[in-house]
Amino acid sequence: MKNIKNSIGLIMILSIFVGCSDVVDFDPHDEYAVTELDYLQTAADYQTMAVSCYTPSQWLNGVMVLGDIASDNAVAGGENASDVLTLQNIDDFDYQLLANNSTLEDLWKSAYEGVNRTNYLLKYKDVNLLGNTVDFDGKDELFGEIRFLRAYYYFTLTKMFGDVVLFTDGKLGISDFGTLQRAPQADVYAQIETDLTAAISVLPLSQGQQGRITRYAAQALLGKVYLYQEKFDLAAPMLEKVVNGPFSLISDYDSIFLLENENGTESVYEVQYSNGSPYYNWGGQTRGQGNYAVQQCGVRGFSGSADMPYNPGWSTNLPTQDLAAAFEDGDQRKDATCFDVAAYAAANPSLNVTFQVAPFKNTDLYNKKYLPRKGQTSGQVELNYENNQRIIRYADVLLMAAEANLRGTSGSASKAQTYLDRVRDRAFGDEDHRVTATVDAIWEERRLELGMEGDRFFDLVRTGRAAAVLGSGYSTATKGLFAIPQREINISGLTQNDGY
């Protein structure tokens, strides 16, 4: 995380620390300088481990990529028909292949690593492994952050996979394989609500260090969780706590995603990335501290004179012409979302721009919001972009609050109208493009406002529109859920989702 450095490498779900037990005449200090029993003795130990609980959130940027590729907003792209096959399988609804999709498996593992780490720290909140209590200023607030993170990991899992394995009493060990089964999604949501409610009760409204969870972030996520469950009368007042908070819309929409506007006035929750102490590993591309999704959406072969601001990329996650056509004339979000590289080259002849003309499934468009830029990466260039992933923006909260007010039994249509007006006024820079706040209008506005930020597919599923919008290739048998990784089924005996 930016300003919260950590040296956690590739650690999968089974352990944070390797403990030793039932070994005769063996003192672990003989081989290890620090063991599980040595840790959580000081406030610094707890604070360091809290940072490690944030780390798996950096590995989940692929959720935002497939959230658009699985929808009508984007196609997988890539260099050719054999490139980025895992994304192409999702794009093409190749349901028979998705159980063995390495991207889905990686996201499953990453989210559960987050669960594992947060569970471990929560287990020893009151007393450490030696039975001692370690008190320090800010401890309750710190554990509010951990409760938020566990909720975030479980929300990621359940919105992707539905019923998932639910455990909260510690980290898993080898002996747990085959003993845990999938819990109903309602139970998972109940745990998420419990964690976020607890987090809200102790988190501060602001943090002294950028990137740390605030009460507003927890309220926004809980409001979103309520919205996904159609608990609109709970969602509206929760989201309005954030609406009435210290946030504001940045007038220049295109600048929201620039490095200088990270953690800005519109940011409610961002996942922090860093390239100051670059870690990278081509055997684990998603496990660095840089944002892997940035390189994916860049223009292949993009080059020009020294003052051209962009770096080349891999031409995946390409916006569709359908998305571009959905924007009205005068909407500044179109050019800030859909980058037309040919138009850019024509408008800037002095830059001597060149690029690969036709990536696979070429749409002539690229994801402007996360287009790779010079000066934002170091070390292994492709894997170390420091662009934060914007997870919940203020505009998102306004639109969620508008929807909740319209769909609930006790909501306010006038509030919904006000919230929608604020988003559209910013988009057009005037008050002449306002539309009546209906549920359909708000859903369409979410597509335009949040295009290429990973919400589209999940919005279509939760609102029951996926089949109508995505067409015959989409299978309603899946209920909008992705396949449980086959390796998890083979090892742990989990059941598979319908339609796979």
Protein backbone atom coordinates (compact mmCIF):
# COMPACT_ATOMS: atom_id res chain seq x y z
CA MET A 1 0.00 0.00 0.00
CA LYS A 2 1.14 3.54 -0.60
CA ASN A 3 2.86 4.75 2.57
CA ILE A 4 2.12 1.42 4.24
CA LYS A 5 5.03 -0.68 3.09
CA ASN A 6 5.01 -4.45 3.47
CA SER A 7 7.16 -7.28 2.32
CA ILE A 8 4.54 -10.00 2.07
CA GLY A 9 5.18 -12.13 -0.98
CA LEU A 10 3.18 -14.93 -2.56
CA ILE A 11 1.38 -16.59 0.37
CA MET A 12 -1.58 -18.77 -0.45
CA ILE A 13 -4.55 -19.66 1.66
CA LEU A 14 -3.06 -22.19 4.07
CA SER A 15 -0.92 -19.94 6.23
CA ILE A 16 0.23 -16.56 7.32
CA PHE A 17 2.82 -18.11 9.55
CA VAL A 18 4.01 -21.70 9.61
CA GLY A 19 3.54 -23.09 13.11
CA CYS A 20 5.18 -26.21 14.52
CA SER A 21 3.53 -28.70 16.84
CA ASP A 22 3.76 -32.32 17.91
CA VAL A 23 7.44 -32.47 17.11
CA VAL A 24 9.58 -34.18 19.76
CA ASP A 25 12.75 -32.45 20.96
CA PHE A 26 12.55 -29.65 18.45
CA ASP A 27 12.78 -25.99 19.31
CA PRO A 28 11.57 -23.90 16.34
CA HIS A 29 14.00 -21.19 17.37
CA ASP A 30 16.76 -23.51 16.15
CA GLU A 31 15.78 -22.76 12.56
CA TYR A 32 13.49 -19.75 12.58
CA ALA A 33 14.31 -16.35 14.01
CA VAL A 34 10.61 -15.52 14.42
CA THR A 35 7.80 -18.02 14.92
CA GLU A 36 4.10 -17.69 15.50
CA LEU A 37 4.62 -17.67 19.28
CA ASP A 38 7.01 -14.75 19.01
CA TYR A 39 4.56 -12.56 17.18
CA LEU A 40 1.71 -10.25 18.30
CA GLN A 41 3.66 -9.17 21.36
CA THR A 42 3.62 -5.42 20.67
CA ALA A 43 1.45 -2.76 19.10
CA ALA A 44 3.87 -2.68 16.15
CA ASP A 45 3.26 -6.41 15.57
CA TYR A 46 -0.47 -5.84 15.34
CA GLN A 47 -0.07 -2.84 13.07
CA THR A 48 2.30 -4.68 10.75
CA MET A 49 -0.02 -7.64 10.47
CA ALA A 50 -2.92 -5.28 9.77
CA VAL A 51 -1.03 -4.07 6.70
CA SER A 52 -0.71 -7.69 5.55
CA CYS A 53 -4.52 -7.92 5.79
CA TYR A 54 -4.81 -5.09 3.26
CA THR A 55 -2.37 -6.72 0.84
CA PRO A 56 -4.74 -9.24 -0.85
CA SER A 57 -7.02 -6.36 -1.84
CA GLN A 58 -4.22 -5.35 -4.24
CA TRP A 59 -4.51 -8.73 -5.95
CA LEU A 60 -8.20 -8.36 -6.83
CA ASN A 61 -8.05 -5.77 -9.62
CA GLY A 62 -9.05 -8.54 -12.04
CA VAL A 63 -12.58 -8.39 -10.60
CA MET A 64 -12.94 -4.93 -12.14
CA VAL A 65 -11.62 -6.18 -15.48
CA LEU A 66 -14.01 -9.10 -15.81
CA GLY A 67 -16.89 -6.99 -14.43
CA ASP A 68 -16.89 -5.16 -17.76
CA ILE A 69 -15.65 -7.94 -20.07
CA ALA A 70 -18.50 -10.20 -18.95
CA SER A 71 -20.94 -7.41 -19.87
CA ASP A 72 -21.82 -5.35 -22.92
CA ASN A 73 -19.28 -2.70 -21.92
CA ALA A 74 -16.08 -4.40 -23.08
CA VAL A 75 -14.46 -7.25 -24.97
CA ALA A 76 -11.40 -9.22 -23.93
CA GLY A 77 -9.20 -8.02 -26.79
CA GLY A 78 -5.57 -9.13 -26.74
CA GLU A 79 -3.00 -9.64 -29.47
CA ASN A 80 -4.66 -12.56 -31.24
CA ALA A 81 -7.13 -15.43 -30.84
CA SER A 82 -4.81 -17.32 -28.49
CA ASP A 83 -4.00 -14.38 -26.24
CA VAL A 84 -5.56 -13.86 -22.75
CA LEU A 85 -7.66 -17.00 -23.15
CA THR A 86 -9.04 -16.81 -19.62
CA LEU A 87 -10.55 -13.41 -20.38
CA GLN A 88 -11.75 -14.54 -23.79
CA ASN A 89 -13.55 -17.49 -22.20
CA ILE A 90 -15.40 -15.09 -19.92
CA ASP A 91 -16.13 -12.70 -22.79
CA ASP A 92 -17.46 -15.53 -24.98
CA PHE A 93 -19.50 -17.22 -22.23
CA ASP A 94 -17.56 -20.47 -22.71
CA TYR A 95 -19.25 -22.02 -19.69
CA GLN A 96 -17.71 -25.45 -20.17
CA LEU A 97 -14.22 -23.94 -19.74
CA LEU A 98 -14.78 -21.58 -16.83
CA ALA A 99 -14.40 -24.15 -14.06
CA ASN A 100 -10.73 -24.40 -15.06
CA ASN A 101 -10.25 -20.68 -15.64
CA SER A 102 -7.02 -19.56 -13.98
CA THR A 103 -8.20 -15.95 -13.62
CA LEU A 104 -11.27 -17.00 -11.65
CA GLU A 105 -9.17 -19.38 -9.56
CA ASP A 106 -6.66 -16.63 -8.80
CA LEU A 107 -9.40 -14.26 -7.65
CA TRP A 108 -10.92 -16.99 -5.46
CA LYS A 109 -7.54 -17.67 -3.85
CA SER A 110 -6.77 -14.00 -3.40
CA ALA A 111 -10.05 -13.23 -1.67
CA TYR A 112 -9.70 -16.25 0.62
CA GLU A 113 -6.15 -15.27 1.47
CA GLY A 114 -7.65 -12.00 2.64
CA VAL A 115 -10.23 -13.88 4.68
CA ASN A 116 -7.52 -16.08 6.15
CA ARG A 117 -5.36 -13.16 7.23
CA THR A 118 -8.19 -11.11 8.71
CA ASN A 119 -9.55 -14.16 10.55
CA TYR A 120 -6.15 -14.83 12.06
CA LEU A 121 -5.70 -11.32 13.40
CA LEU A 122 -9.28 -11.14 14.69
CA LYS A 123 -8.78 -14.41 16.56
CA TYR A 124 -6.03 -12.80 18.61
CA LYS A 125 -7.59 -9.39 19.07
CA ASP A 126 -8.04 -9.70 22.82
CA VAL A 127 -5.21 -12.07 23.76
CA ASN A 128 -2.21 -13.29 21.78
CA LEU A 129 -1.01 -16.87 21.42
CA LEU A 130 0.67 -16.73 24.82
CA GLY A 131 -2.52 -15.59 26.51
CA ASN A 132 -1.29 -12.03 27.02
CA THR A 133 -3.28 -8.87 26.31
CA VAL A 134 -1.61 -6.19 24.22
CA ASP A 135 -3.40 -2.86 24.53
CA PHE A 136 -2.51 0.26 22.60
CA ASP A 137 -4.10 3.49 21.44
CA GLY A 138 -6.18 3.01 18.32
CA LYS A 139 -6.55 -0.75 18.70
CA ASP A 140 -10.33 -0.77 18.34
CA GLU A 141 -10.13 1.44 15.25
CA LEU A 142 -7.46 -0.83 13.78
CA PHE A 143 -9.72 -3.83 14.19
CA GLY A 144 -12.52 -1.89 12.56
CA GLU A 145 -10.32 -1.80 9.47
CA ILE A 146 -9.83 -5.56 9.70
CA ARG A 147 -13.58 -6.19 10.01
CA PHE A 148 -14.14 -4.03 6.91
CA LEU A 149 -11.52 -5.94 4.96
CA ARG A 150 -13.00 -9.33 5.83
CA ALA A 151 -16.39 -8.04 4.71
CA TYR A 152 -14.86 -6.74 1.47
CA TYR A 153 -13.26 -10.09 0.71
CA TYR A 154 -16.46 -11.99 1.41
CA PHE A 155 -18.51 -9.53 -0.66
CA THR A 156 -16.14 -10.07 -3.56
CA LEU A 157 -16.53 -13.84 -3.20
CA THR A 158 -20.29 -13.97 -2.86
CA LYS A 159 -21.11 -11.54 -5.67
CA MET A 160 -18.91 -13.65 -7.97
CA PHE A 161 -19.66 -17.18 -6.76
CA GLY A 162 -22.85 -17.03 -4.67
CA ASP A 163 -22.77 -19.64 -1.91
CA VAL A 164 -19.18 -19.82 -0.66
CA VAL A 165 -17.26 -21.38 2.19
CA LEU A 166 -17.81 -19.23 5.28
CA PHE A 167 -15.44 -19.38 8.24
CA THR A 168 -14.56 -16.71 10.77
CA ASP A 169 -12.76 -18.40 13.64
CA GLY A 170 -9.19 -18.49 12.44
CA LYS A 171 -7.01 -19.48 9.53
CA LEU A 172 -7.48 -22.73 7.69
CA GLY A 173 -5.01 -25.57 8.02
CA ILE A 174 -4.32 -28.74 6.06
CA SER A 175 -6.73 -30.71 8.22
CA ASP A 176 -9.60 -28.43 7.22
CA PHE A 177 -9.62 -29.59 3.60
CA GLY A 178 -12.78 -31.53 2.88
CA THR A 179 -14.47 -30.49 6.13
CA LEU A 180 -15.93 -27.15 5.07
CA GLN A 181 -18.79 -26.74 2.64
CA ARG A 182 -20.43 -23.80 0.93
CA ALA A 183 -22.73 -21.67 3.06
CA PRO A 184 -25.94 -20.11 1.70
CA GLN A 185 -25.38 -16.65 0.27
CA ALA A 186 -27.82 -15.25 2.85
CA ASP A 187 -25.49 -16.43 5.62
CA VAL A 188 -22.51 -14.86 3.91
CA TYR A 189 -24.34 -11.56 3.60
CA ALA A 190 -25.35 -11.75 7.25
CA GLN A 191 -21.69 -12.07 8.24
CA ILE A 192 -20.73 -9.18 5.96
CA GLU A 193 -23.40 -7.01 7.58
CA THR A 194 -22.19 -8.01 11.06
CA ASP A 195 -18.59 -7.11 10.22
CA LEU A 196 -19.44 -3.79 8.62
CA THR A 197 -21.79 -2.78 11.42
CA ALA A 198 -19.04 -3.53 13.93
CA ALA A 199 -16.53 -1.62 11.83
CA ILE A 200 -18.77 1.44 11.56
CA SER A 201 -19.12 1.56 15.34
CA VAL A 202 -15.38 2.07 15.88
CA LEU A 203 -13.86 3.49 12.70
CA PRO A 204 -12.95 7.19 12.56
CA LEU A 205 -14.47 9.51 9.98
CA SER A 206 -10.99 10.26 8.66
CA GLN A 207 -7.56 8.67 8.85
CA GLY A 208 -4.15 10.22 9.19
CA GLN A 209 -2.69 7.87 6.60
CA GLN A 210 -4.00 7.71 3.06
CA GLY A 211 -5.59 4.43 2.07
CA ARG A 212 -6.75 3.34 5.50
CA ILE A 213 -10.42 2.48 5.89
CA THR A 214 -12.75 5.16 7.25
CA ARG A 215 -16.25 4.98 8.68
CA TYR A 216 -17.56 6.46 5.44
CA ALA A 217 -16.01 3.63 3.43
CA ALA A 218 -17.68 1.06 5.70
CA GLN A 219 -21.04 2.84 5.44
CA ALA A 220 -20.76 2.98 1.65
CA LEU A 221 -19.91 -0.70 1.38
CA LEU A 222 -22.72 -1.67 3.76
CA GLY A 223 -25.13 0.42 1.69
CA LYS A 224 -23.97 -1.42 -1.42
CA VAL A 225 -24.38 -4.78 0.30
CA TYR A 226 -27.94 -3.82 1.27
CA LEU A 227 -28.62 -2.74 -2.32
CA TYR A 228 -27.43 -6.08 -3.68
CA GLN A 229 -29.89 -7.80 -1.35
CA GLU A 230 -32.70 -5.38 -2.28
CA LYS A 231 -32.89 -4.11 1.29
CA PHE A 232 -33.60 -0.64 -0.03
CA ASP A 233 -35.06 0.84 3.16
CA LEU A 234 -31.81 -0.01 4.93
CA ALA A 235 -29.59 1.02 2.01
CA ALA A 236 -30.97 4.54 1.58
CA PRO A 237 -30.27 5.94 5.08
CA MET A 238 -26.90 4.19 5.23
CA LEU A 239 -25.78 5.64 1.91
CA GLU A 240 -27.09 9.08 2.83
CA LYS A 241 -24.63 9.18 5.71
CA VAL A 242 -21.95 9.19 3.01
CA VAL A 243 -23.88 11.53 0.71
CA ASN A 244 -23.89 14.06 3.54
CA GLY A 245 -20.21 13.52 4.29
CA PRO A 246 -17.21 15.64 3.25
CA PHE A 247 -17.11 14.44 -0.37
CA SER A 248 -17.62 16.37 -3.59
CA LEU A 249 -17.60 15.71 -7.32
CA ILE A 250 -14.51 16.79 -9.24
CA SER A 251 -15.65 19.06 -12.07
CA ASP A 252 -13.19 17.65 -14.62
CA TYR A 253 -14.27 14.02 -14.87
CA ASP A 254 -11.21 12.97 -16.87
CA SER A 255 -8.90 14.05 -14.05
CA ILE A 256 -10.47 11.75 -11.44
CA PHE A 257 -8.23 8.91 -12.55
CA LEU A 258 -4.98 10.85 -12.67
CA LEU A 259 -2.29 10.14 -10.12
CA GLU A 260 -2.63 13.58 -8.54
CA ASN A 261 -6.31 12.99 -7.77
CA GLU A 262 -5.90 9.70 -5.95
CA ASN A 263 -7.60 9.71 -2.55
CA GLY A 264 -9.21 13.00 -3.54
CA THR A 265 -12.50 14.66 -2.69
CA GLU A 266 -14.48 12.09 -4.68
CA SER A 267 -12.76 9.05 -3.20
CA VAL A 268 -14.69 6.97 -0.67
CA TYR A 269 -12.58 3.82 -0.94
CA GLU A 270 -9.55 3.10 -3.10
CA VAL A 271 -7.18 0.16 -3.16
CA GLN A 272 -3.70 1.61 -2.87
CA TYR A 273 -0.84 0.65 -5.18
CA SER A 274 2.83 1.58 -5.04
CA ASN A 275 5.95 1.38 -7.17
CA GLY A 276 8.32 2.91 -4.62
CA SER A 277 9.69 -0.48 -3.52
CA PRO A 278 8.70 -2.57 -6.50
CA TYR A 279 8.01 -6.23 -6.07
CA TYR A 280 7.27 -8.20 -9.21
CA ASN A 281 7.21 -11.79 -10.28
CA TRP A 282 6.24 -13.08 -13.70
CA GLY A 283 5.22 -16.32 -12.01
CA GLY A 284 2.71 -14.33 -9.94
CA GLN A 285 1.84 -11.26 -11.96
CA THR A 286 -1.01 -10.21 -9.71
CA ARG A 287 1.00 -10.47 -6.49
CA GLY A 288 3.05 -7.31 -6.72
CA GLN A 289 2.32 -3.95 -5.15
CA GLY A 290 1.60 -2.44 -8.57
CA ASN A 291 -1.74 -2.40 -10.41
CA TYR A 292 -1.56 -5.19 -12.98
CA ALA A 293 -4.87 -4.12 -14.59
CA VAL A 294 -3.30 -0.91 -15.92
CA GLN A 295 -0.87 -2.68 -18.25
CA GLN A 296 -3.68 -4.88 -19.52
CA CYS A 297 -5.75 -2.03 -20.95
CA GLY A 298 -3.00 -0.05 -22.69
CA VAL A 299 -2.68 0.36 -26.47
CA ARG A 300 -0.49 -2.32 -28.02
CA GLY A 301 2.61 -0.93 -29.74
CA PHE A 302 1.76 2.61 -28.60
CA SER A 303 4.68 4.98 -29.12
CA GLY A 304 5.50 8.49 -30.18
CA SER A 305 7.72 11.42 -29.43
CA ALA A 306 9.16 11.98 -25.96
CA ASP A 307 6.34 14.30 -24.88
CA MET A 308 3.57 11.77 -25.61
CA PRO A 309 2.24 10.97 -22.11
CA TYR A 310 1.27 7.32 -22.60
CA ASN A 311 3.04 3.98 -22.36
CA PRO A 312 2.09 0.94 -24.45
CA GLY A 313 0.06 -1.95 -23.06
CA TRP A 314 -1.53 -5.26 -23.98
CA SER A 315 -4.81 -4.13 -25.60
CA THR A 316 -7.17 -6.10 -23.39
CA ASN A 317 -10.41 -4.94 -21.75
CA LEU A 318 -11.46 -2.85 -24.74
CA PRO A 319 -14.60 -0.67 -24.48
CA THR A 320 -17.28 -1.55 -27.01
CA GLN A 321 -18.75 0.78 -29.56
CA ASP A 322 -22.09 0.02 -27.88
CA LEU A 323 -20.83 1.65 -24.71
CA ALA A 324 -19.46 4.63 -26.61
CA ALA A 325 -22.78 5.10 -28.42
CA ALA A 326 -24.66 5.17 -25.13
CA PHE A 327 -23.17 8.57 -24.25
CA GLU A 328 -25.03 11.70 -25.38
CA ASP A 329 -23.32 14.54 -27.19
CA GLY A 330 -21.63 16.83 -24.70
CA ASP A 331 -21.12 14.18 -22.04
CA GLN A 332 -17.49 14.57 -20.94
CA ARG A 333 -17.48 11.00 -19.63
CA LYS A 334 -17.35 9.53 -23.13
CA ASP A 335 -13.84 10.69 -24.01
CA ALA A 336 -12.70 10.07 -20.44
CA THR A 337 -13.87 6.45 -20.68
CA CYS A 338 -13.42 5.43 -24.32
CA PHE A 339 -10.03 6.35 -25.75
CA ASP A 340 -10.02 6.51 -29.57
CA VAL A 341 -6.34 6.09 -30.36
CA ALA A 342 -6.72 6.83 -34.07
CA ALA A 343 -8.50 10.09 -33.30
CA TYR A 344 -5.80 10.94 -30.76
CA ALA A 345 -3.06 10.34 -33.33
CA ALA A 346 -4.86 12.45 -35.93
CA ALA A 347 -5.40 15.30 -33.47
CA ASN A 348 -1.75 15.30 -32.39
CA PRO A 349 0.40 14.97 -35.53
CA SER A 350 3.44 16.48 -33.80
CA LEU A 351 3.60 13.49 -31.43
CA ASN A 352 4.33 11.05 -34.29
CA VAL A 353 2.00 8.46 -32.76
CA THR A 354 2.18 4.83 -33.90
CA PHE A 355 0.26 1.82 -32.60
CA GLN A 356 -0.87 -1.66 -33.54
CA VAL A 357 -3.97 -1.07 -35.64
CA ALA A 358 -6.02 -4.17 -34.98
CA PRO A 359 -5.84 -6.09 -31.71
CA PHE A 360 -8.06 -9.16 -31.46
CA LYS A 361 -11.77 -8.22 -31.38
CA ASN A 362 -10.71 -4.68 -32.20
CA THR A 363 -13.22 -2.01 -31.21
CA ASP A 364 -10.93 0.98 -31.99
CA LEU A 365 -11.33 1.97 -28.33
CA TYR A 366 -9.30 1.59 -25.12
CA ASN A 367 -10.01 2.07 -21.43
CA LYS A 368 -9.01 5.70 -20.86
CA LYS A 369 -9.54 5.58 -17.09
CA TYR A 370 -6.60 3.27 -16.53
CA LEU A 371 -4.52 3.90 -19.64
CA PRO A 372 -0.82 3.38 -18.82
CA ARG A 373 1.02 6.66 -18.42
CA LYS A 374 4.69 7.50 -18.34
CA GLY A 375 6.21 8.14 -14.94
CA GLN A 376 3.75 5.93 -13.07
CA THR A 377 5.69 2.69 -13.08
CA SER A 378 9.19 1.46 -12.22
CA GLY A 379 11.24 -1.72 -12.00
CA GLN A 380 9.44 -4.29 -14.13
CA VAL A 381 7.45 -1.71 -16.09
CA GLU A 382 4.42 -3.83 -16.95
CA LEU A 383 3.70 -5.00 -13.41
CA ASN A 384 4.34 -1.92 -11.30
CA TYR A 385 1.87 0.80 -12.16
CA GLU A 386 1.01 2.75 -9.04
CA ASN A 387 -2.49 3.81 -10.13
CA ASN A 388 -4.99 3.22 -7.35
CA GLN A 389 -8.10 1.21 -8.15
CA ARG A 390 -11.14 3.38 -7.48
CA ILE A 391 -13.53 0.99 -5.72
CA ILE A 392 -16.26 3.32 -4.42
CA ARG A 393 -16.51 6.88 -5.70
CA TYR A 394 -18.85 9.56 -4.42
CA ALA A 395 -20.79 9.51 -7.70
CA ASP A 396 -21.38 5.78 -7.20
CA VAL A 397 -22.78 6.51 -3.73
CA LEU A 398 -25.08 9.21 -5.11
CA LEU A 399 -26.49 6.82 -7.71
CA MET A 400 -26.87 3.97 -5.23
CA ALA A 401 -28.68 6.30 -2.84
CA ALA A 402 -30.93 7.49 -5.67
CA GLU A 403 -31.81 3.91 -6.61
CA ALA A 404 -32.47 2.91 -3.00
CA ASN A 405 -34.75 5.89 -2.48
CA LEU A 406 -36.81 5.03 -5.55
CA ARG A 407 -37.03 1.28 -4.97
CA GLY A 408 -37.69 1.35 -1.22
CA THR A 409 -41.04 1.75 0.49
CA SER A 410 -40.01 4.78 2.53
CA GLY A 411 -37.66 6.56 0.15
CA SER A 412 -37.79 10.06 -1.26
CA ALA A 413 -38.26 10.64 -4.97
CA SER A 414 -37.03 14.22 -4.54
CA LYS A 415 -33.77 13.02 -3.00
CA ALA A 416 -33.32 10.56 -5.86
CA GLN A 417 -33.83 13.38 -8.35
CA THR A 418 -31.33 15.60 -6.56
CA TYR A 419 -28.68 12.88 -6.48
CA LEU A 420 -29.13 12.03 -10.16
CA ASP A 421 -29.05 15.72 -11.10
CA ARG A 422 -25.71 16.18 -9.36
CA VAL A 423 -24.13 13.37 -11.36
CA ARG A 424 -25.53 14.54 -14.70
CA ASP A 425 -24.74 18.20 -14.06
CA ARG A 426 -21.11 17.29 -13.56
CA ALA A 427 -21.11 15.09 -16.67
CA PHE A 428 -22.34 17.88 -18.96
CA GLY A 429 -21.14 20.95 -17.06
CA ASP A 430 -24.63 22.46 -17.03
CA GLU A 431 -28.18 21.88 -15.79
CA ASP A 432 -29.68 21.49 -19.27
CA HIS A 433 -29.31 17.70 -19.48
CA ARG A 434 -31.29 16.63 -16.47
CA VAL A 435 -33.70 13.71 -16.85
CA THR A 436 -36.52 12.47 -14.67
CA ALA A 437 -35.22 10.15 -11.97
CA THR A 438 -36.68 6.75 -12.73
CA VAL A 439 -35.15 3.41 -11.83
CA ASP A 440 -34.28 2.78 -15.50
CA ALA A 441 -32.68 6.22 -15.82
CA ILE A 442 -30.52 5.60 -12.76
CA TRP A 443 -29.46 2.18 -14.02
CA GLU A 444 -28.45 3.74 -17.35
CA GLU A 445 -26.59 6.48 -15.52
CA ARG A 446 -24.63 3.89 -13.59
CA ARG A 447 -23.45 2.41 -16.87
CA LEU A 448 -22.26 5.79 -18.11
CA GLU A 449 -20.77 7.05 -14.85
CA LEU A 450 -19.05 3.80 -13.86
CA GLY A 451 -18.15 2.49 -17.32
CA MET A 452 -14.95 0.40 -17.31
CA GLU A 453 -14.79 0.40 -13.50
CA GLY A 454 -16.08 -3.16 -13.10
CA ASP A 455 -19.68 -2.70 -11.93
CA ARG A 456 -21.64 -3.32 -15.12
CA PHE A 457 -21.98 -7.13 -15.11
CA PHE A 458 -22.81 -7.26 -11.42
CA ASP A 459 -25.38 -4.47 -11.84
CA LEU A 460 -27.04 -6.37 -14.67
CA VAL A 461 -27.21 -9.53 -12.58
CA ARG A 462 -28.50 -7.96 -9.37
CA THR A 463 -31.21 -6.03 -11.26
CA GLY A 464 -32.36 -9.05 -13.29
CA ARG A 465 -31.43 -7.56 -16.67
CA ALA A 466 -28.47 -9.76 -17.65
CA ALA A 467 -30.34 -12.06 -20.02
CA ALA A 468 -32.15 -9.24 -21.82
CA VAL A 469 -29.03 -7.10 -22.24
CA LEU A 470 -26.40 -9.76 -22.91
CA GLY A 471 -28.44 -11.87 -25.32
CA SER A 472 -28.50 -15.54 -26.23
CA GLY A 473 -24.89 -16.27 -25.35
CA TYR A 474 -25.60 -15.62 -21.70
CA SER A 475 -26.98 -18.63 -19.81
CA THR A 476 -29.67 -17.90 -17.25
CA ALA A 477 -28.87 -21.30 -15.71
CA THR A 478 -25.77 -19.75 -14.12
CA LYS A 479 -27.88 -17.15 -12.28
CA GLY A 480 -25.12 -14.67 -13.02
CA LEU A 481 -22.54 -16.56 -10.99
CA PHE A 482 -19.08 -17.66 -12.08
CA ALA A 483 -17.83 -21.23 -11.85
CA ILE A 484 -16.33 -22.52 -8.61
CA PRO A 485 -12.70 -23.38 -9.44
CA GLN A 486 -12.51 -27.08 -10.29
CA ARG A 487 -9.39 -27.51 -8.17
CA GLU A 488 -11.38 -26.45 -5.11
CA ILE A 489 -14.06 -28.98 -5.99
CA ASN A 490 -11.48 -31.74 -6.42
CA ILE A 491 -9.59 -30.97 -3.21
CA SER A 492 -12.35 -29.81 -0.90
CA GLY A 493 -15.38 -31.60 -2.29
CA LEU A 494 -17.31 -28.39 -2.94
CA THR A 495 -20.36 -28.40 -5.21
CA GLN A 496 -20.34 -26.57 -8.54
CA ASN A 497 -22.66 -23.71 -9.47
CA ASP A 498 -25.51 -24.44 -11.84
CA GLY A 499 -24.83 -24.12 -15.55
CA TYR A 500 -21.23 -25.38 -15.48
